[in-house]
Amino acid sequence: MKRLSIILCLGLGLIIGATASLAVAQPSPDITVRQDDNRTIKEYRVNGELYAIEIVPQQGASYFLIDDDGDGNFERRDASRVEVPDWVAGDE
């Protein structure tokens, strides 16, 4: 019975540890906002690294241009928000 209690406690500790590592907070980005003729452009940076650009047109839906892997190639995503990519978040 004592051995079972020890095994259960160790298992619970592993579960709690795994859950805590999943709950790591996203870094807060620095957002630069500028107004163009007919749209607002928001640049998202962490540690000085540009990883996303949000385009908010005066008419129509907003969208993001996202650099998923740090190679400088931005791909369009129709989303309401964007997560900080691992290549940026890992630098902190």
C-alpha atoms as a PDB file:
ATOM      1  CA  MET A   1       0.000   0.000   0.000  1.00  0.00           C
ATOM      2  CA  LYS A   2       2.842   2.379   0.831  1.00  0.00           C
ATOM      3  CA  ARG A   3       4.479   1.635  -2.528  1.00  0.00           C
ATOM      4  CA  LEU A   4       1.212   2.417  -4.323  1.00  0.00           C
ATOM      5  CA  SER A   5       0.970   5.771  -2.526  1.00  0.00           C
ATOM      6  CA  ILE A   6       4.501   6.675  -3.593  1.00  0.00           C
ATOM      7  CA  ILE A   7       3.786   5.734  -7.208  1.00  0.00           C
ATOM      8  CA  LEU A   8       0.568   7.779  -7.214  1.00  0.00           C
ATOM      9  CA  CYS A   9       2.348  10.808  -5.724  1.00  0.00           C
ATOM     10  CA  LEU A  10       5.131  10.600  -8.317  1.00  0.00           C
ATOM     11  CA  GLY A  11       2.575  10.294 -11.126  1.00  0.00           C
ATOM     12  CA  LEU A  12       0.650  13.277  -9.809  1.00  0.00           C
ATOM     13  CA  GLY A  13       3.868  15.290  -9.637  1.00  0.00           C
ATOM     14  CA  LEU A  14       4.632  14.489 -13.279  1.00  0.00           C
ATOM     15  CA  ILE A  15       1.138  15.514 -14.348  1.00  0.00           C
ATOM     16  CA  ILE A  16       1.353  18.807 -12.453  1.00  0.00           C
ATOM     17  CA  GLY A  17       4.805  19.517 -13.900  1.00  0.00           C
ATOM     18  CA  ALA A  18       3.645  18.829 -17.458  1.00  0.00           C
ATOM     19  CA  THR A  19       0.580  21.034 -17.003  1.00  0.00           C
ATOM     20  CA  ALA A  20       2.677  23.894 -15.609  1.00  0.00           C
ATOM     21  CA  SER A  21       5.026  23.796 -18.591  1.00  0.00           C
ATOM     22  CA  LEU A  22       2.050  24.049 -20.970  1.00  0.00           C
ATOM     23  CA  ALA A  23       0.762  27.144 -19.160  1.00  0.00           C
ATOM     24  CA  VAL A  24       3.782  29.311 -20.046  1.00  0.00           C
ATOM     25  CA  ALA A  25       2.556  32.818 -20.843  1.00  0.00           C
ATOM     26  CA  GLN A  26       3.029  34.286 -24.283  1.00  0.00           C
ATOM     27  CA  PRO A  27       5.409  37.257 -24.350  1.00  0.00           C
ATOM     28  CA  SER A  28       3.702  40.617 -24.812  1.00  0.00           C
ATOM     29  CA  PRO A  29       4.462  42.103 -28.219  1.00  0.00           C
ATOM     30  CA  ASP A  30       5.448  45.669 -28.944  1.00  0.00           C
ATOM     31  CA  ILE A  31       2.889  46.977 -31.446  1.00  0.00           C
ATOM     32  CA  THR A  32       3.659  49.840 -33.811  1.00  0.00           C
ATOM     33  CA  VAL A  33       0.560  51.388 -35.403  1.00  0.00           C
ATOM     34  CA  ARG A  34       0.582  53.566 -38.467  1.00  0.00           C
ATOM     35  CA  GLN A  35      -2.162  54.923 -40.666  1.00  0.00           C
ATOM     36  CA  ASP A  36      -1.976  54.526 -44.436  1.00  0.00           C
ATOM     37  CA  ASP A  37      -4.401  56.154 -46.911  1.00  0.00           C
ATOM     38  CA  ASN A  38      -7.196  53.638 -46.523  1.00  0.00           C
ATOM     39  CA  ARG A  39      -5.933  51.196 -43.914  1.00  0.00           C
ATOM     40  CA  THR A  40      -4.277  50.848 -40.529  1.00  0.00           C
ATOM     41  CA  ILE A  41      -1.094  48.785 -40.294  1.00  0.00           C
ATOM     42  CA  LYS A  42      -0.024  47.199 -36.999  1.00  0.00           C
ATOM     43  CA  GLU A  43       3.454  45.667 -36.700  1.00  0.00           C
ATOM     44  CA  TYR A  44       3.958  43.062 -33.959  1.00  0.00           C
ATOM     45  CA  ARG A  45       7.459  42.569 -32.499  1.00  0.00           C
ATOM     46  CA  VAL A  46       9.013  40.653 -29.623  1.00  0.00           C
ATOM     47  CA  ASN A  47      12.681  41.244 -28.791  1.00  0.00           C
ATOM     48  CA  GLY A  48      12.823  43.552 -31.823  1.00  0.00           C
ATOM     49  CA  GLU A  49      11.837  40.702 -34.188  1.00  0.00           C
ATOM     50  CA  LEU A  50       8.967  41.473 -36.570  1.00  0.00           C
ATOM     51  CA  TYR A  51       6.779  38.363 -36.738  1.00  0.00           C
ATOM     52  CA  ALA A  52       3.348  39.667 -37.783  1.00  0.00           C
ATOM     53  CA  ILE A  53       1.689  42.555 -39.560  1.00  0.00           C
ATOM     54  CA  GLU A  54      -2.015  43.203 -39.165  1.00  0.00           C
ATOM     55  CA  ILE A  55      -3.785  45.008 -41.986  1.00  0.00           C
ATOM     56  CA  VAL A  56      -7.043  46.722 -41.001  1.00  0.00           C
ATOM     57  CA  PRO A  57      -8.709  48.175 -44.095  1.00  0.00           C
ATOM     58  CA  GLN A  58     -11.364  50.878 -43.806  1.00  0.00           C
ATOM     59  CA  GLN A  59     -13.705  48.499 -45.592  1.00  0.00           C
ATOM     60  CA  GLY A  60     -13.585  44.719 -45.348  1.00  0.00           C
ATOM     61  CA  ALA A  61     -12.134  42.280 -42.867  1.00  0.00           C
ATOM     62  CA  SER A  62      -8.723  42.646 -41.262  1.00  0.00           C
ATOM     63  CA  TYR A  63      -6.030  40.009 -41.823  1.00  0.00           C
ATOM     64  CA  PHE A  64      -2.516  39.143 -40.701  1.00  0.00           C
ATOM     65  CA  LEU A  65       0.750  38.619 -42.548  1.00  0.00           C
ATOM     66  CA  ILE A  66       2.762  36.164 -40.424  1.00  0.00           C
ATOM     67  CA  ASP A  67       6.376  34.992 -40.531  1.00  0.00           C
ATOM     68  CA  ASP A  68       6.052  31.498 -39.041  1.00  0.00           C
ATOM     69  CA  ASP A  69       9.707  30.478 -39.108  1.00  0.00           C
ATOM     70  CA  GLY A  70      11.788  33.659 -39.122  1.00  0.00           C
ATOM     71  CA  ASP A  71      12.819  33.476 -42.778  1.00  0.00           C
ATOM     72  CA  GLY A  72      11.268  36.861 -43.643  1.00  0.00           C
ATOM     73  CA  ASN A  73       8.510  35.349 -45.787  1.00  0.00           C
ATOM     74  CA  PHE A  74       5.118  36.523 -44.576  1.00  0.00           C
ATOM     75  CA  GLU A  75       1.981  34.518 -45.347  1.00  0.00           C
ATOM     76  CA  ARG A  76      -1.564  35.831 -45.175  1.00  0.00           C
ATOM     77  CA  ARG A  77      -3.898  34.534 -42.454  1.00  0.00           C
ATOM     78  CA  ASP A  78      -7.493  35.507 -41.915  1.00  0.00           C
ATOM     79  CA  ALA A  79      -7.661  35.407 -38.117  1.00  0.00           C
ATOM     80  CA  SER A  80      -8.828  37.541 -35.221  1.00  0.00           C
ATOM     81  CA  ARG A  81      -5.516  37.222 -33.349  1.00  0.00           C
ATOM     82  CA  VAL A  82      -2.096  35.644 -33.735  1.00  0.00           C
ATOM     83  CA  GLU A  83       0.188  33.698 -31.392  1.00  0.00           C
ATOM     84  CA  VAL A  84       3.858  34.585 -31.012  1.00  0.00           C
ATOM     85  CA  PRO A  85       5.768  31.959 -33.058  1.00  0.00           C
ATOM     86  CA  ASP A  86       8.253  29.676 -31.295  1.00  0.00           C
ATOM     87  CA  TRP A  87      11.208  31.175 -33.161  1.00  0.00           C
ATOM     88  CA  VAL A  88      10.456  34.546 -31.535  1.00  0.00           C
ATOM     89  CA  ALA A  89       9.252  33.380 -28.116  1.00  0.00           C
ATOM     90  CA  GLY A  90      12.267  31.086 -27.701  1.00  0.00           C
ATOM     91  CA  ASP A  91      14.659  34.057 -27.715  1.00  0.00           C
ATOM     92  CA  GLU A  92      13.482  35.351 -24.338  1.00  0.00           C
END
